[in-house]
N, C-alpha and C. Protein backbone atom coordinates (compact mmCIF):
# COMPACT_ATOMS: atom_id res chain seq x y z
N MET A 1 -35.68 -23.30 11.65
CA MET A 1 -35.10 -23.12 10.35
C MET A 1 -36.22 -22.91 9.34
N LYS A 2 -36.10 -21.87 8.52
CA LYS A 2 -37.08 -21.59 7.50
C LYS A 2 -36.62 -22.20 6.19
N ILE A 3 -37.49 -22.90 5.52
CA ILE A 3 -37.13 -23.50 4.24
C ILE A 3 -38.01 -22.87 3.17
N ILE A 4 -37.36 -22.37 2.15
CA ILE A 4 -38.07 -21.78 1.02
C ILE A 4 -37.84 -22.69 -0.17
N VAL A 5 -38.90 -23.09 -0.82
CA VAL A 5 -38.77 -23.90 -2.02
C VAL A 5 -38.57 -22.96 -3.19
N ALA A 6 -37.44 -23.09 -3.85
CA ALA A 6 -37.12 -22.20 -4.96
C ALA A 6 -37.87 -22.64 -6.21
N PRO A 7 -38.12 -21.70 -7.10
CA PRO A 7 -38.73 -22.06 -8.37
C PRO A 7 -37.84 -23.04 -9.13
N GLN A 8 -38.37 -23.58 -10.19
CA GLN A 8 -37.65 -24.59 -10.95
C GLN A 8 -36.29 -24.10 -11.45
N ASP A 9 -36.17 -22.83 -11.72
CA ASP A 9 -34.90 -22.31 -12.23
C ASP A 9 -33.93 -21.96 -11.11
N ASN A 10 -34.26 -22.33 -9.87
CA ASN A 10 -33.39 -22.13 -8.71
C ASN A 10 -33.06 -20.67 -8.44
N LEU A 11 -33.99 -19.79 -8.68
CA LEU A 11 -33.81 -18.37 -8.37
C LEU A 11 -34.76 -17.98 -7.24
N LEU A 12 -34.29 -17.04 -6.44
CA LEU A 12 -35.10 -16.51 -5.34
C LEU A 12 -35.38 -15.04 -5.59
N THR A 13 -36.57 -14.60 -5.23
CA THR A 13 -36.86 -13.17 -5.26
C THR A 13 -36.17 -12.52 -4.07
N SER A 14 -36.15 -11.20 -4.06
CA SER A 14 -35.53 -10.51 -2.92
C SER A 14 -36.27 -10.84 -1.64
N GLN A 15 -37.59 -10.95 -1.70
CA GLN A 15 -38.37 -11.28 -0.51
C GLN A 15 -38.04 -12.69 -0.03
N GLU A 16 -37.95 -13.66 -0.94
CA GLU A 16 -37.61 -15.03 -0.56
C GLU A 16 -36.21 -15.11 0.04
N LEU A 17 -35.28 -14.34 -0.53
CA LEU A 17 -33.92 -14.31 0.01
C LEU A 17 -33.91 -13.74 1.42
N CYS A 18 -34.66 -12.67 1.63
CA CYS A 18 -34.72 -12.06 2.97
C CYS A 18 -35.29 -13.04 3.99
N VAL A 19 -36.36 -13.73 3.63
CA VAL A 19 -36.97 -14.70 4.56
C VAL A 19 -36.01 -15.86 4.81
N SER A 20 -35.40 -16.38 3.75
CA SER A 20 -34.48 -17.52 3.90
C SER A 20 -33.26 -17.16 4.73
N SER A 21 -32.80 -15.93 4.60
CA SER A 21 -31.59 -15.49 5.29
C SER A 21 -31.87 -14.79 6.61
N ASP A 22 -33.14 -14.54 6.89
CA ASP A 22 -33.55 -13.86 8.11
C ASP A 22 -32.95 -12.45 8.21
N ILE A 23 -33.07 -11.70 7.11
CA ILE A 23 -32.60 -10.32 7.08
C ILE A 23 -33.73 -9.42 6.58
N SER A 24 -33.58 -8.13 6.80
CA SER A 24 -34.57 -7.17 6.31
C SER A 24 -34.22 -6.77 4.87
N GLU A 25 -35.20 -6.17 4.20
CA GLU A 25 -34.93 -5.68 2.84
C GLU A 25 -33.90 -4.56 2.87
N ALA A 26 -33.87 -3.78 3.95
CA ALA A 26 -32.87 -2.71 4.07
C ALA A 26 -31.46 -3.28 4.10
N ILE A 27 -31.28 -4.38 4.81
CA ILE A 27 -29.96 -5.03 4.85
C ILE A 27 -29.63 -5.61 3.49
N LEU A 28 -30.62 -6.22 2.83
CA LEU A 28 -30.36 -6.76 1.49
C LEU A 28 -29.92 -5.65 0.55
N TYR A 29 -30.56 -4.50 0.65
CA TYR A 29 -30.17 -3.36 -0.19
C TYR A 29 -28.71 -2.99 0.08
N GLU A 30 -28.30 -2.96 1.34
CA GLU A 30 -26.91 -2.66 1.70
C GLU A 30 -25.96 -3.71 1.10
N LEU A 31 -26.36 -4.99 1.18
CA LEU A 31 -25.52 -6.06 0.65
C LEU A 31 -25.35 -5.93 -0.86
N VAL A 32 -26.41 -5.56 -1.54
CA VAL A 32 -26.33 -5.36 -2.99
C VAL A 32 -25.50 -4.12 -3.30
N GLU A 33 -25.70 -3.06 -2.54
CA GLU A 33 -24.96 -1.82 -2.74
C GLU A 33 -23.45 -2.04 -2.61
N HIS A 34 -23.04 -2.96 -1.73
CA HIS A 34 -21.62 -3.23 -1.51
C HIS A 34 -21.14 -4.47 -2.28
N SER A 35 -21.96 -4.92 -3.23
CA SER A 35 -21.63 -6.06 -4.10
C SER A 35 -21.34 -7.34 -3.32
N ILE A 36 -21.98 -7.49 -2.18
CA ILE A 36 -21.88 -8.73 -1.41
C ILE A 36 -22.88 -9.74 -1.97
N ALA A 37 -24.09 -9.29 -2.20
CA ALA A 37 -25.12 -10.09 -2.87
C ALA A 37 -25.38 -9.41 -4.21
N ILE A 38 -25.31 -10.18 -5.27
CA ILE A 38 -25.47 -9.60 -6.61
C ILE A 38 -26.67 -10.23 -7.29
N PRO A 39 -27.71 -9.43 -7.56
CA PRO A 39 -28.86 -9.98 -8.27
C PRO A 39 -28.47 -10.35 -9.70
N ILE A 40 -28.96 -11.49 -10.16
CA ILE A 40 -28.63 -11.89 -11.52
C ILE A 40 -29.70 -11.44 -12.51
N GLU A 41 -30.83 -10.98 -11.97
CA GLU A 41 -31.90 -10.44 -12.81
C GLU A 41 -32.58 -9.30 -12.07
N GLY A 42 -33.19 -8.41 -12.83
CA GLY A 42 -33.99 -7.34 -12.27
C GLY A 42 -33.22 -6.07 -12.02
N GLU A 43 -33.89 -4.96 -12.31
CA GLU A 43 -33.26 -3.65 -12.09
C GLU A 43 -33.74 -3.00 -10.80
N ARG A 44 -34.98 -3.27 -10.42
CA ARG A 44 -35.54 -2.71 -9.19
C ARG A 44 -35.54 -3.77 -8.10
N VAL A 45 -35.58 -3.32 -6.85
CA VAL A 45 -35.56 -4.23 -5.71
C VAL A 45 -36.66 -5.28 -5.84
N THR A 46 -37.83 -4.86 -6.27
CA THR A 46 -38.95 -5.80 -6.38
C THR A 46 -38.77 -6.81 -7.50
N GLU A 47 -37.84 -6.55 -8.42
CA GLU A 47 -37.59 -7.46 -9.55
C GLU A 47 -36.34 -8.31 -9.37
N TRP A 48 -35.55 -8.02 -8.34
CA TRP A 48 -34.29 -8.74 -8.16
C TRP A 48 -34.52 -10.24 -8.04
N GLN A 49 -33.61 -11.00 -8.66
CA GLN A 49 -33.59 -12.46 -8.57
C GLN A 49 -32.18 -12.87 -8.17
N PHE A 50 -32.08 -13.82 -7.26
CA PHE A 50 -30.79 -14.28 -6.76
C PHE A 50 -30.70 -15.79 -6.88
N THR A 51 -29.49 -16.29 -7.03
CA THR A 51 -29.30 -17.73 -7.01
C THR A 51 -29.51 -18.24 -5.59
N VAL A 52 -29.86 -19.50 -5.48
CA VAL A 52 -30.09 -20.10 -4.16
C VAL A 52 -28.82 -20.05 -3.32
N SER A 53 -27.66 -20.16 -3.96
CA SER A 53 -26.39 -20.14 -3.21
C SER A 53 -26.14 -18.80 -2.53
N THR A 54 -26.85 -17.76 -2.93
CA THR A 54 -26.70 -16.45 -2.30
C THR A 54 -27.15 -16.49 -0.84
N VAL A 55 -28.05 -17.40 -0.50
CA VAL A 55 -28.52 -17.51 0.88
C VAL A 55 -27.34 -17.74 1.82
N THR A 56 -26.46 -18.67 1.46
CA THR A 56 -25.30 -18.97 2.31
C THR A 56 -24.41 -17.75 2.47
N LEU A 57 -24.16 -17.05 1.38
CA LEU A 57 -23.31 -15.86 1.41
C LEU A 57 -23.93 -14.76 2.28
N VAL A 58 -25.21 -14.54 2.13
CA VAL A 58 -25.90 -13.51 2.90
C VAL A 58 -25.90 -13.85 4.39
N LYS A 59 -26.13 -15.11 4.70
CA LYS A 59 -26.09 -15.53 6.11
C LYS A 59 -24.69 -15.33 6.70
N LYS A 60 -23.67 -15.65 5.91
CA LYS A 60 -22.29 -15.47 6.38
C LYS A 60 -22.01 -13.99 6.63
N ALA A 61 -22.43 -13.13 5.70
CA ALA A 61 -22.22 -11.68 5.85
C ALA A 61 -22.95 -11.15 7.08
N ALA A 62 -24.18 -11.59 7.27
CA ALA A 62 -24.96 -11.13 8.43
C ALA A 62 -24.33 -11.60 9.74
N ARG A 63 -23.81 -12.82 9.73
CA ARG A 63 -23.16 -13.36 10.94
C ARG A 63 -21.89 -12.56 11.26
N ILE A 64 -21.10 -12.24 10.23
CA ILE A 64 -19.89 -11.45 10.44
C ILE A 64 -20.26 -10.07 10.98
N GLN A 65 -21.29 -9.47 10.41
CA GLN A 65 -21.70 -8.14 10.86
C GLN A 65 -22.17 -8.20 12.31
N HIS A 66 -22.91 -9.22 12.65
CA HIS A 66 -23.41 -9.36 14.02
C HIS A 66 -22.27 -9.60 15.01
N ASP A 67 -21.36 -10.51 14.65
CA ASP A 67 -20.28 -10.90 15.56
C ASP A 67 -19.20 -9.83 15.70
N LEU A 68 -18.86 -9.16 14.61
CA LEU A 68 -17.74 -8.23 14.63
C LEU A 68 -18.14 -6.76 14.55
N SER A 69 -19.41 -6.49 14.31
CA SER A 69 -19.92 -5.12 14.19
C SER A 69 -19.15 -4.29 13.17
N LEU A 70 -18.82 -4.91 12.04
CA LEU A 70 -18.13 -4.21 10.96
C LEU A 70 -19.14 -3.55 10.04
N ASP A 71 -18.68 -2.52 9.31
CA ASP A 71 -19.57 -1.95 8.31
C ASP A 71 -19.55 -2.85 7.06
N TRP A 72 -20.50 -2.63 6.17
CA TRP A 72 -20.68 -3.54 5.03
C TRP A 72 -19.51 -3.53 4.07
N SER A 73 -18.83 -2.40 3.91
CA SER A 73 -17.66 -2.39 3.02
C SER A 73 -16.54 -3.24 3.59
N ALA A 74 -16.38 -3.22 4.91
CA ALA A 74 -15.37 -4.08 5.54
C ALA A 74 -15.76 -5.55 5.42
N ILE A 75 -17.04 -5.83 5.54
CA ILE A 75 -17.51 -7.21 5.40
C ILE A 75 -17.27 -7.72 3.98
N ALA A 76 -17.48 -6.86 2.99
CA ALA A 76 -17.20 -7.25 1.60
C ALA A 76 -15.73 -7.64 1.46
N LEU A 77 -14.85 -6.88 2.07
CA LEU A 77 -13.42 -7.18 2.03
C LEU A 77 -13.11 -8.49 2.76
N VAL A 78 -13.71 -8.69 3.92
CA VAL A 78 -13.50 -9.93 4.68
C VAL A 78 -13.94 -11.13 3.85
N LEU A 79 -15.10 -11.03 3.22
CA LEU A 79 -15.60 -12.15 2.40
C LEU A 79 -14.68 -12.42 1.21
N GLN A 80 -14.17 -11.36 0.60
CA GLN A 80 -13.23 -11.53 -0.51
C GLN A 80 -11.97 -12.23 -0.03
N LEU A 81 -11.44 -11.81 1.11
CA LEU A 81 -10.23 -12.44 1.65
C LEU A 81 -10.48 -13.90 2.04
N LEU A 82 -11.64 -14.20 2.57
CA LEU A 82 -11.97 -15.58 2.90
C LEU A 82 -12.04 -16.45 1.64
N ASP A 83 -12.62 -15.90 0.57
CA ASP A 83 -12.67 -16.63 -0.71
C ASP A 83 -11.27 -16.88 -1.24
N GLU A 84 -10.42 -15.86 -1.19
CA GLU A 84 -9.05 -16.02 -1.67
C GLU A 84 -8.30 -17.05 -0.83
N ARG A 85 -8.52 -17.04 0.47
CA ARG A 85 -7.89 -18.03 1.34
C ARG A 85 -8.34 -19.44 0.97
N ASP A 86 -9.62 -19.61 0.73
CA ASP A 86 -10.14 -20.93 0.34
C ASP A 86 -9.53 -21.39 -0.98
N GLU A 87 -9.38 -20.47 -1.93
CA GLU A 87 -8.75 -20.80 -3.21
C GLU A 87 -7.30 -21.21 -3.01
N LEU A 88 -6.58 -20.49 -2.16
CA LEU A 88 -5.18 -20.82 -1.89
C LEU A 88 -5.04 -22.17 -1.20
N ILE A 89 -5.94 -22.47 -0.29
CA ILE A 89 -5.91 -23.77 0.37
C ILE A 89 -6.14 -24.89 -0.64
N ALA A 90 -7.11 -24.71 -1.53
CA ALA A 90 -7.38 -25.72 -2.55
C ALA A 90 -6.19 -25.89 -3.49
N GLU A 91 -5.60 -24.77 -3.90
CA GLU A 91 -4.42 -24.83 -4.78
C GLU A 91 -3.26 -25.52 -4.07
N ASN A 92 -3.06 -25.21 -2.80
CA ASN A 92 -1.98 -25.82 -2.03
C ASN A 92 -2.18 -27.33 -1.93
N GLN A 93 -3.40 -27.77 -1.69
CA GLN A 93 -3.67 -29.21 -1.62
C GLN A 93 -3.39 -29.89 -2.95
N MET A 94 -3.78 -29.24 -4.05
CA MET A 94 -3.52 -29.80 -5.37
C MET A 94 -2.02 -29.91 -5.63
N LEU A 95 -1.27 -28.88 -5.28
CA LEU A 95 0.17 -28.90 -5.48
C LEU A 95 0.84 -29.96 -4.61
N LYS A 96 0.35 -30.15 -3.41
CA LYS A 96 0.88 -31.21 -2.55
C LYS A 96 0.64 -32.58 -3.16
N GLN A 97 -0.52 -32.78 -3.76
CA GLN A 97 -0.80 -34.06 -4.42
C GLN A 97 0.14 -34.29 -5.60
N HIS A 98 0.36 -33.25 -6.40
CA HIS A 98 1.29 -33.36 -7.53
C HIS A 98 2.70 -33.66 -7.04
N LEU A 99 3.11 -32.98 -5.99
CA LEU A 99 4.44 -33.18 -5.44
C LEU A 99 4.60 -34.60 -4.91
N SER A 100 3.58 -35.12 -4.26
CA SER A 100 3.68 -36.49 -3.73
C SER A 100 3.81 -37.51 -4.86
N ARG A 101 3.23 -37.25 -6.02
CA ARG A 101 3.39 -38.15 -7.18
C ARG A 101 4.83 -38.15 -7.66
N PHE A 102 5.45 -36.97 -7.68
CA PHE A 102 6.84 -36.89 -8.11
C PHE A 102 7.77 -37.57 -7.11
N LYS A 103 7.46 -37.46 -5.85
CA LYS A 103 8.30 -38.11 -4.82
C LYS A 103 8.25 -39.62 -4.97
N HIS A 104 7.11 -40.16 -5.37
CA HIS A 104 6.98 -41.60 -5.55
C HIS A 104 7.75 -42.09 -6.77
N LEU A 105 8.02 -41.20 -7.73
CA LEU A 105 8.75 -41.59 -8.94
C LEU A 105 10.25 -41.68 -8.69
N GLU A 106 10.73 -41.03 -7.66
CA GLU A 106 12.18 -41.00 -7.39
C GLU A 106 12.68 -42.33 -6.89
């Protein structure tokens, strides 16, 4: 496991993100092109800055690509659907908690 110590502002350069995620710069460019990884600073590849949480997302995208051999646009859709599913699960749990409170009042 490679550990990269992020600067104090918790941002990673494109090179640090590639090393942390074990991907090439070419793959990172594809991820940015398909809005899977979004730099929060910088206009050029050499200036890009990413949040530390992007490492997890990039690793997930690379794992999906490796396991399913999907193209990057399909992976972007898969990641979006997984996020929506997670949101629905969280909302469902919250609604179940509210419902259980009402059942106790009866």
